[in-house]
């Protein structure tokens, strides 16, 4: 079924002319899509002369209309319920949900999943708690109201989003278990292709983070095919972002840039406007990495305008970081140095140690290019105390010690800076990865 069914399908639903599979898919969609819900209500009551179909319509109308009205009321009440839940700790929230049926609604489930997705880029731990609470609600939905298959679909969706938060937190073991649970619930649900595609899309993002690029590409291509099959261009555009990043990490920069361009064409800015920001920034960074810095620079003002409209502070920091790298490539060194210093301080303040270390290394590389060895040595000396006080694992600190000691001996080279930076990128999601054992001996 297409994203939004035609009027003919709505009328066939009332007339009882859909197959059992079509009827299930239709109900799953229309009971979770506010715009189609309104269209369905517009058809009530039917004013045509009574026929056999009309009598079926008459029989279906009260239950269908009441369910739609109930769902509308649930959605309206969900925001207030969520505000009440926010006043309690995780245990208190679960207690409220378990003891009060007004929290055990589809509207609350939907809102918790949506809040988890929106929170994830900034507060992944909070997003995890929201996803777990959404799962807790989904497990308590009334089967007499929603039906067992719809509840299985809700649990599949909650497990999928929980798996994605765990992926962002680099807890790949638990993320794998959560994806397995999502797939088990999906197999007992409506088998909605959108839910199946979501699992493939987000699991592909995890495979990318694990460096398993070929698996990631196979998974995301499956998601894209499903989204295309059910006419979901927005979701298709989002999956293309996952594919683009995978190709970029894999080193296929031209194909990655094409993927980001296509995603910008498909994404619906009214549904998830921040995705436009992310895809535009991805494209700018990809073009720069591919040696097209001048072309990337042309797109920066448009990206800044998008961020001003719908982006976040972290989006601005990320774009500013890319823009500083572009300035280095185009020999705007003074502007790049100023930008790197500002971004570095902001990231340290935010506690983002790995990103701050990478920006520091970009700044060190700039100093080396300019022959400013004293500045590079001073930067190395001030880096280590900062990162020892942050949540940076032992092997990453060992790499930074190599960088500091080499700078002290005035033997720092551009090659070493790039080597340390490449290591930190990999070590972000692999704390056990060691950096040059022979140089990292001696402890700290």
Protein backbone atom coordinates (compact mmCIF):
# COMPACT_ATOMS: atom_id res chain seq x y z
CA UNK A 1 0.00 0.00 0.00
CA UNK A 2 1.23 3.51 -0.84
CA UNK A 3 2.14 5.91 1.92
CA UNK A 4 -1.27 7.63 1.72
CA UNK A 5 -4.06 5.45 0.23
CA UNK A 6 -6.27 6.85 -2.51
CA UNK A 7 -9.91 7.69 -1.77
CA UNK A 8 -10.94 4.51 -3.61
CA UNK A 9 -9.06 2.43 -1.02
CA UNK A 10 -10.75 4.29 1.82
CA UNK A 11 -14.14 3.52 0.29
CA UNK A 12 -13.23 -0.13 -0.30
CA UNK A 13 -12.27 -0.39 3.37
CA UNK A 14 -15.72 0.79 4.44
CA UNK A 15 -17.36 -1.48 1.83
CA UNK A 16 -15.45 -4.52 3.08
CA UNK A 17 -13.85 -5.10 -0.35
CA UNK A 18 -10.20 -5.23 0.76
CA UNK A 19 -8.46 -8.57 1.15
CA UNK A 20 -7.56 -9.58 4.70
CA UNK A 21 -3.92 -8.60 4.13
CA UNK A 22 -4.90 -5.26 2.56
CA UNK A 23 -7.36 -4.59 5.39
CA UNK A 24 -4.69 -5.19 8.05
CA UNK A 25 -2.14 -3.01 6.27
CA UNK A 26 -4.72 -0.27 5.76
CA UNK A 27 -5.76 -0.22 9.41
CA UNK A 28 -2.14 -0.17 10.59
CA UNK A 29 -1.50 2.86 8.40
CA UNK A 30 -4.66 4.86 8.91
CA UNK A 31 -4.69 4.42 12.69
CA UNK A 32 -1.17 5.85 12.92
CA UNK A 33 -1.37 8.57 10.23
CA UNK A 34 -3.16 11.77 11.33
CA UNK A 35 -3.70 13.06 7.77
CA UNK A 36 -5.33 9.82 6.56
CA UNK A 37 -7.30 9.68 9.78
CA UNK A 38 -8.83 13.07 8.92
CA UNK A 39 -9.56 11.94 5.36
CA UNK A 40 -11.34 8.87 6.67
CA UNK A 41 -13.43 10.93 9.08
CA UNK A 42 -14.40 13.19 6.17
CA UNK A 43 -16.14 10.22 4.57
CA UNK A 44 -18.43 9.80 7.59
CA UNK A 45 -21.33 9.56 7.53
CA UNK A 46 -22.04 8.09 4.08
CA UNK A 47 -24.96 9.81 2.41
CA UNK A 48 -25.41 7.61 -0.69
CA UNK A 49 -28.56 5.53 -1.05
CA UNK A 50 -28.45 2.29 0.89
CA UNK A 51 -27.07 -0.75 -0.92
CA UNK A 52 -25.37 -3.92 0.24
CA UNK A 53 -22.13 -1.94 0.41
CA UNK A 54 -23.99 0.81 2.23
CA UNK A 55 -25.25 -1.62 4.86
CA UNK A 56 -21.65 -2.85 5.37
CA UNK A 57 -20.54 0.76 5.69
CA UNK A 58 -23.25 1.36 8.26
CA UNK A 59 -22.04 -1.61 10.25
CA UNK A 60 -18.40 -0.58 10.08
CA UNK A 61 -18.85 3.14 10.70
CA UNK A 62 -19.46 3.26 14.48
CA UNK A 63 -16.48 1.09 15.43
CA UNK A 64 -14.12 2.64 12.90
CA UNK A 65 -15.12 6.18 13.77
CA UNK A 66 -14.88 5.54 17.50
CA UNK A 67 -11.41 4.01 17.15
CA UNK A 68 -10.23 7.03 15.16
CA UNK A 69 -11.71 9.42 17.69
CA UNK A 70 -10.10 7.47 20.55
CA UNK A 71 -6.73 7.60 18.84
CA UNK A 72 -7.08 11.36 18.29
CA UNK A 73 -7.84 11.79 22.00
CA UNK A 74 -4.87 9.59 22.96
CA UNK A 75 -2.51 11.71 20.87
CA UNK A 76 -3.89 14.92 22.35
CA UNK A 77 -3.40 13.60 25.89
CA UNK A 78 0.04 12.07 25.29
CA UNK A 79 2.01 15.34 25.64
CA UNK A 80 0.55 15.92 29.12
CA UNK A 81 1.29 12.34 30.10
CA UNK A 82 4.89 12.71 28.95
CA UNK A 83 5.33 15.91 30.98
CA UNK A 84 4.11 14.05 34.05
CA UNK A 85 6.53 11.17 33.39
CA UNK A 86 9.44 13.60 33.08
CA UNK A 87 9.01 14.54 36.75
CA UNK A 88 10.04 11.05 37.85
CA UNK A 89 13.15 8.90 37.71
CA UNK A 90 13.16 5.84 35.39
CA UNK A 91 11.77 3.51 38.08
CA UNK A 92 9.03 5.98 38.92
CA UNK A 93 8.08 6.32 35.26
CA UNK A 94 7.69 2.58 34.86
CA UNK A 95 5.62 2.49 38.03
CA UNK A 96 3.24 5.12 36.64
CA UNK A 97 2.91 3.28 33.31
CA UNK A 98 2.31 -0.06 35.03
CA UNK A 99 -0.29 1.32 37.43
CA UNK A 100 -2.25 3.78 35.30
CA UNK A 101 -3.99 2.69 32.08
CA UNK A 102 -4.05 6.28 30.81
CA UNK A 103 -0.34 5.83 30.02
CA UNK A 104 -0.91 2.49 28.25
CA UNK A 105 -2.02 4.06 24.97
CA UNK A 106 -0.88 4.10 21.37
CA UNK A 107 -0.60 7.88 21.58
CA UNK A 108 1.90 7.67 24.47
CA UNK A 109 3.83 4.95 22.66
CA UNK A 110 4.08 7.04 19.49
CA UNK A 111 5.21 10.15 21.35
CA UNK A 112 7.87 8.31 23.36
CA UNK A 113 9.36 6.79 20.19
CA UNK A 114 9.32 10.19 18.49
CA UNK A 115 10.92 11.90 21.50
CA UNK A 116 13.61 9.20 21.63
CA UNK A 117 14.47 9.75 17.95
CA UNK A 118 14.60 13.53 18.36
CA UNK A 119 16.71 13.36 21.52
CA UNK A 120 19.24 10.83 20.20
CA UNK A 121 21.73 13.22 18.48
CA UNK A 122 22.15 15.38 21.59
CA UNK A 123 21.39 13.10 24.56
CA UNK A 124 21.79 9.42 23.64
CA UNK A 125 21.43 8.23 27.23
CA UNK A 126 18.14 10.08 27.58
CA UNK A 127 17.08 8.69 24.19
CA UNK A 128 17.82 5.18 25.45
CA UNK A 129 15.61 5.67 28.50
CA UNK A 130 12.78 7.02 26.33
CA UNK A 131 13.07 4.05 23.96
CA UNK A 132 12.99 1.62 26.89
CA UNK A 133 9.91 3.39 28.25
CA UNK A 134 8.25 3.21 24.80
CA UNK A 135 8.89 -0.54 24.85
CA UNK A 136 7.42 -0.75 28.36
CA UNK A 137 4.26 1.00 27.10
CA UNK A 138 4.08 -1.18 23.97
CA UNK A 139 4.18 -4.33 26.11
CA UNK A 140 1.12 -3.06 28.01
CA UNK A 141 -1.11 -2.02 25.10
CA UNK A 142 -4.56 -3.60 25.25
CA UNK A 143 -4.87 -6.43 22.67
CA UNK A 144 -8.67 -6.09 22.73
CA UNK A 145 -8.27 -2.52 21.48
CA UNK A 146 -5.30 -2.79 19.16
CA UNK A 147 -5.05 -6.44 18.24
CA UNK A 148 -2.10 -8.72 18.90
CA UNK A 149 -0.39 -8.10 15.56
CA UNK A 150 -0.45 -4.33 15.98
CA UNK A 151 1.09 -4.73 19.45
CA UNK A 152 3.80 -6.98 18.00
CA UNK A 153 4.49 -4.24 15.43
CA UNK A 154 4.72 -1.63 18.19
CA UNK A 155 7.20 -3.77 20.13
CA UNK A 156 9.24 -4.35 16.97
CA UNK A 157 9.41 -0.60 16.42
CA UNK A 158 10.41 0.10 20.03
CA UNK A 159 13.15 -2.55 19.97
CA UNK A 160 14.43 -1.13 16.67
CA UNK A 161 14.81 2.37 18.05
CA UNK A 162 16.34 1.05 21.28
CA UNK A 163 18.88 -0.87 19.17
CA UNK A 164 19.74 2.34 17.34
CA UNK A 165 20.36 4.27 20.56
CA UNK A 166 22.64 1.46 21.73
CA UNK A 167 24.46 1.66 18.41
CA UNK A 168 25.06 5.39 18.93
CA UNK A 169 26.36 4.56 22.42
CA UNK A 170 28.73 2.01 20.80
CA UNK A 171 27.18 -0.84 22.81
CA UNK A 172 27.13 -3.15 19.83
CA UNK A 173 26.55 -6.35 21.84
CA UNK A 174 23.28 -5.09 23.33
CA UNK A 175 22.34 -3.45 20.04
CA UNK A 176 22.61 -6.83 18.28
CA UNK A 177 20.33 -8.38 20.90
CA UNK A 178 17.82 -5.54 20.50
CA UNK A 179 17.78 -5.97 16.70
CA UNK A 180 17.20 -9.71 17.17
CA UNK A 181 14.22 -8.94 19.43
CA UNK A 182 12.86 -6.45 16.88
CA UNK A 183 13.03 -9.08 14.14
CA UNK A 184 11.25 -11.68 16.30
CA UNK A 185 8.38 -9.29 17.04
CA UNK A 186 8.22 -8.19 13.40
CA UNK A 187 7.78 -11.82 12.31
CA UNK A 188 4.64 -12.02 14.50
CA UNK A 189 3.24 -8.62 13.41
CA UNK A 190 1.59 -7.31 10.25
CA UNK A 191 4.95 -7.77 8.47
CA UNK A 192 4.74 -4.14 7.45
CA UNK A 193 7.47 -3.41 4.86
CA UNK A 194 8.17 -0.01 6.44
CA UNK A 195 8.97 -1.63 9.79
CA UNK A 196 11.13 -4.24 8.05
CA UNK A 197 12.96 -1.53 6.09
CA UNK A 198 13.58 0.48 9.28
CA UNK A 199 15.32 -2.49 10.87
CA UNK A 200 17.50 -2.95 7.77
CA UNK A 201 18.31 0.78 7.61
CA UNK A 202 19.36 1.12 11.24
CA UNK A 203 21.22 -2.18 11.32
CA UNK A 204 23.15 -0.95 8.26
CA UNK A 205 24.18 2.12 10.29
CA UNK A 206 25.53 -0.20 12.97
CA UNK A 207 27.46 -2.32 10.44
CA UNK A 208 28.99 0.90 9.14
CA UNK A 209 30.08 1.88 12.65
CA UNK A 210 31.63 -1.57 13.00
CA UNK A 211 33.58 -1.11 9.76
CA UNK A 212 31.62 -3.90 8.03
CA UNK A 213 30.92 -1.80 4.96
CA UNK A 214 29.85 -4.48 2.48
CA UNK A 215 27.27 -5.86 4.91
CA UNK A 216 26.06 -2.32 5.60
CA UNK A 217 25.60 -1.62 1.90
CA UNK A 218 23.69 -4.87 1.36
CA UNK A 219 21.36 -4.08 4.27
CA UNK A 220 20.70 -0.47 3.30
CA UNK A 221 20.07 -1.42 -0.33
CA UNK A 222 17.39 -3.80 0.95
CA UNK A 223 15.84 -0.96 2.96
CA UNK A 224 15.89 1.40 -0.02
CA UNK A 225 14.20 -1.21 -2.22
CA UNK A 226 11.41 -1.71 0.33
CA UNK A 227 10.86 2.03 0.79
CA UNK A 228 10.67 2.43 -2.97
CA UNK A 229 8.23 -0.48 -3.25
CA UNK A 230 5.77 1.12 -0.83
CA UNK A 231 6.30 4.64 -2.20
CA UNK A 232 8.04 6.16 0.84
CA UNK A 233 10.40 8.74 -0.76
CA UNK A 234 11.23 10.46 2.54
CA UNK A 235 12.35 7.22 4.18
CA UNK A 236 14.20 6.34 0.99
CA UNK A 237 16.07 9.64 1.22
CA UNK A 238 16.98 8.95 4.85
CA UNK A 239 18.29 5.48 3.96
CA UNK A 240 20.35 7.03 1.17
CA UNK A 241 22.06 9.14 3.85
CA UNK A 242 23.09 5.92 5.59
CA UNK A 243 24.35 4.55 2.29
CA UNK A 244 26.19 7.78 1.51
CA UNK A 245 28.02 7.76 4.85
CA UNK A 246 28.92 4.10 4.39
CA UNK A 247 30.36 4.81 0.95
CA UNK A 248 32.21 7.83 2.33
CA UNK A 249 33.78 5.76 5.12
CA UNK A 250 34.61 3.07 2.56
CA UNK A 251 36.42 5.67 0.43
CA UNK A 252 34.02 5.75 -2.55
CA UNK A 253 33.54 9.51 -2.34
CA UNK A 254 31.99 10.15 -5.75
CA UNK A 255 29.24 7.58 -5.16
CA UNK A 256 28.75 8.92 -1.63
CA UNK A 257 28.25 12.48 -2.92
CA UNK A 258 25.70 11.22 -5.45
CA UNK A 259 23.83 9.49 -2.64
CA UNK A 260 23.68 12.66 -0.55
CA UNK A 261 22.48 14.70 -3.53
CA UNK A 262 19.67 12.23 -4.20
CA UNK A 263 18.72 12.13 -0.53
CA UNK A 264 18.29 15.92 -0.51
CA UNK A 265 15.90 15.57 -3.44
CA UNK A 266 13.80 12.90 -1.70
CA UNK A 267 13.70 14.11 1.91
CA UNK A 268 10.53 15.83 3.09
CA UNK A 269 11.63 18.87 5.08
CA UNK A 270 8.23 19.17 6.74
CA UNK A 271 8.54 15.72 8.35
CA UNK A 272 12.12 15.69 9.64
CA UNK A 273 13.65 19.05 8.73
CA UNK A 274 16.93 18.40 10.52
CA UNK A 275 17.67 15.56 8.12
CA UNK A 276 18.06 18.18 5.39
CA UNK A 277 20.74 19.87 7.51
CA UNK A 278 22.55 16.61 8.11
CA UNK A 279 22.47 15.55 4.46
CA UNK A 280 23.65 18.97 3.26
CA UNK A 281 26.54 18.90 5.76
CA UNK A 282 27.36 15.35 4.70
CA UNK A 283 27.53 16.46 1.08
CA UNK A 284 29.78 19.43 1.91
CA UNK A 285 32.15 17.21 3.88
CA UNK A 286 32.16 14.50 1.24
CA UNK A 287 33.01 16.94 -1.55
CA UNK A 288 35.88 18.34 0.51
CA UNK A 289 37.21 14.87 1.32
CA UNK A 290 37.04 14.03 -2.38
CA UNK A 291 39.24 16.96 -3.33
CA UNK A 292 36.42 19.27 -4.46
CA UNK A 293 36.90 21.89 -1.74
CA UNK A 294 35.93 24.85 -3.95
CA UNK A 295 32.64 23.17 -4.86
CA UNK A 296 32.07 22.35 -1.19
CA UNK A 297 32.69 25.98 -0.20
CA UNK A 298 29.89 27.11 -2.55
CA UNK A 299 27.40 24.94 -0.63
CA UNK A 300 28.38 26.19 2.85
CA UNK A 301 26.10 29.29 2.88
CA UNK A 302 23.06 27.16 2.01
CA UNK A 303 23.96 24.73 4.79
CA UNK A 304 24.30 27.62 7.25
CA UNK A 305 20.88 28.94 6.24
CA UNK A 306 19.32 25.53 6.87
CA UNK A 307 20.98 25.32 10.28
CA UNK A 308 19.67 28.76 11.18
CA UNK A 309 16.14 27.56 10.36
CA UNK A 310 15.99 24.04 11.77
CA UNK A 311 19.45 23.01 12.98
CA UNK A 312 21.14 22.79 16.34
CA UNK A 313 24.28 24.13 17.95
CA UNK A 314 26.03 20.81 17.30
CA UNK A 315 25.12 21.11 13.60
CA UNK A 316 26.74 24.55 13.50
CA UNK A 317 29.89 23.26 15.21
CA UNK A 318 30.12 20.38 12.77
CA UNK A 319 29.66 22.60 9.72
CA UNK A 320 32.15 25.13 11.09
CA UNK A 321 34.67 22.30 11.48
CA UNK A 322 34.18 21.24 7.86
CA UNK A 323 34.38 24.86 6.73
CA UNK A 324 37.69 25.28 8.58
CA UNK A 325 39.07 22.23 6.78
CA UNK A 326 37.94 23.72 3.49
CA UNK A 327 39.73 26.97 4.40
CA UNK A 328 42.94 24.98 4.95
CA UNK A 329 42.59 23.39 1.52
CA UNK A 330 41.97 26.80 -0.08
CA UNK A 331 44.86 28.32 1.92
CA UNK A 332 42.71 30.53 4.09
CA UNK A 333 44.95 29.63 6.99
CA UNK A 334 44.26 32.54 9.34
CA UNK A 335 40.50 31.94 9.25
CA UNK A 336 41.03 28.19 9.67
CA UNK A 337 43.25 28.64 12.73
CA UNK A 338 40.74 30.92 14.41
CA UNK A 339 37.88 28.53 13.65
CA UNK A 340 39.75 25.43 14.88
CA UNK A 341 40.57 27.15 18.18
CA UNK A 342 36.96 28.21 18.74
CA UNK A 343 35.51 24.80 17.82
CA UNK A 344 38.06 23.03 20.03
CA UNK A 345 37.11 25.08 23.09
CA UNK A 346 33.40 24.55 22.48
CA UNK A 347 33.85 20.77 22.18
CA UNK A 348 35.98 20.63 25.34
CA UNK A 349 33.29 22.57 27.16
CA UNK A 350 30.70 20.06 25.92
CA UNK A 351 32.82 17.14 27.11
CA UNK A 352 33.22 15.73 23.58
CA UNK A 353 36.79 14.59 24.09
CA UNK A 354 37.30 12.59 20.90
CA UNK A 355 36.00 15.36 18.65
CA UNK A 356 38.02 17.97 20.55
CA UNK A 357 41.17 15.83 20.12
CA UNK A 358 40.53 15.51 16.39
CA UNK A 359 40.09 19.27 16.01
CA UNK A 360 43.31 19.76 17.98
CA UNK A 361 45.09 17.48 15.54
CA UNK A 362 43.66 19.45 12.60
CA UNK A 363 45.07 22.59 14.20
CA UNK A 364 48.44 20.89 14.77
CA UNK A 365 48.52 19.83 11.11
CA UNK A 366 47.86 23.44 10.10
CA UNK A 367 50.75 24.65 12.26
CA UNK A 368 53.07 22.08 10.69
CA UNK A 369 52.07 23.18 7.20
CA UNK A 370 52.99 26.74 8.15
CA UNK A 371 56.24 25.74 9.85
CA UNK A 372 54.96 26.88 13.26
CA UNK A 373 56.69 24.19 15.29
CA UNK A 374 56.60 26.15 18.56
CA UNK A 375 52.81 26.53 18.31
CA UNK A 376 52.40 22.83 17.54
CA UNK A 377 54.55 21.92 20.55
CA UNK A 378 52.56 24.23 22.81
CA UNK A 379 49.28 22.78 21.56
CA UNK A 380 50.52 19.24 22.25
CA UNK A 381 51.52 20.20 25.78
CA UNK A 382 48.10 21.62 26.63
CA UNK A 383 46.13 18.74 25.05
CA UNK A 384 47.08 15.89 27.35
CA UNK A 385 45.99 17.37 30.71
CA UNK A 386 42.61 18.22 29.21
CA UNK A 387 41.98 14.73 27.85
CA UNK A 388 43.26 12.92 30.94
CA UNK A 389 40.42 14.59 32.83
CA UNK A 390 37.82 13.47 30.28
CA UNK A 391 36.27 10.08 29.54
CA UNK A 392 38.96 8.99 27.09
CA UNK A 393 40.02 5.36 27.24
CA UNK A 394 43.59 4.25 27.91
CA UNK A 395 44.58 3.38 24.34
CA UNK A 396 43.41 6.76 23.02
CA UNK A 397 45.44 8.54 25.69
CA UNK A 398 48.45 6.44 24.65
CA UNK A 399 48.14 7.78 21.11
CA UNK A 400 47.95 11.35 22.41
CA UNK A 401 51.06 10.72 24.52
CA UNK A 402 52.93 9.64 21.39
CA UNK A 403 51.82 12.88 19.74
CA UNK A 404 52.93 14.97 22.75
CA UNK A 405 56.34 13.31 23.13
CA UNK A 406 57.10 13.57 19.44
CA UNK A 407 56.23 17.26 19.55
CA UNK A 408 58.50 17.78 22.56
CA UNK A 409 61.37 16.24 20.60
CA UNK A 410 60.54 18.58 17.68
CA UNK A 411 60.06 15.56 15.43
CA UNK A 412 56.38 16.08 14.74
CA UNK A 413 55.40 15.42 11.13
CA UNK A 414 52.20 15.80 9.17
CA UNK A 415 52.20 12.03 8.63
CA UNK A 416 52.19 11.29 12.37
CA UNK A 417 49.39 13.79 13.03
CA UNK A 418 47.27 12.14 10.32
CA UNK A 419 48.10 8.69 11.72
CA UNK A 420 46.98 9.65 15.23
CA UNK A 421 43.81 11.28 13.85
CA UNK A 422 42.94 8.18 11.80
CA UNK A 423 43.49 5.99 14.86
CA UNK A 424 41.23 8.15 17.07
CA UNK A 425 38.44 7.98 14.47
CA UNK A 426 38.56 4.17 14.61
CA UNK A 427 39.10 3.95 18.37
CA UNK A 428 35.99 6.01 19.11
CA UNK A 429 33.88 2.85 18.64
CA UNK A 430 36.60 0.29 19.37
CA UNK A 431 38.17 1.01 22.79
CA UNK A 432 40.31 -2.11 22.58
CA UNK A 433 42.11 -0.96 19.42
CA UNK A 434 45.79 -0.35 20.25
CA UNK A 435 47.96 2.39 18.79
CA UNK A 436 51.50 1.43 17.78
CA UNK A 437 52.41 -0.76 20.75
CA UNK A 438 56.12 -0.15 20.28
CA UNK A 439 55.74 3.61 20.77
CA UNK A 440 53.05 3.56 23.41
CA UNK A 441 55.07 1.69 26.02
CA UNK A 442 56.06 3.41 29.23
CA UNK A 443 52.62 4.20 30.59
CA UNK A 444 51.47 7.50 31.96
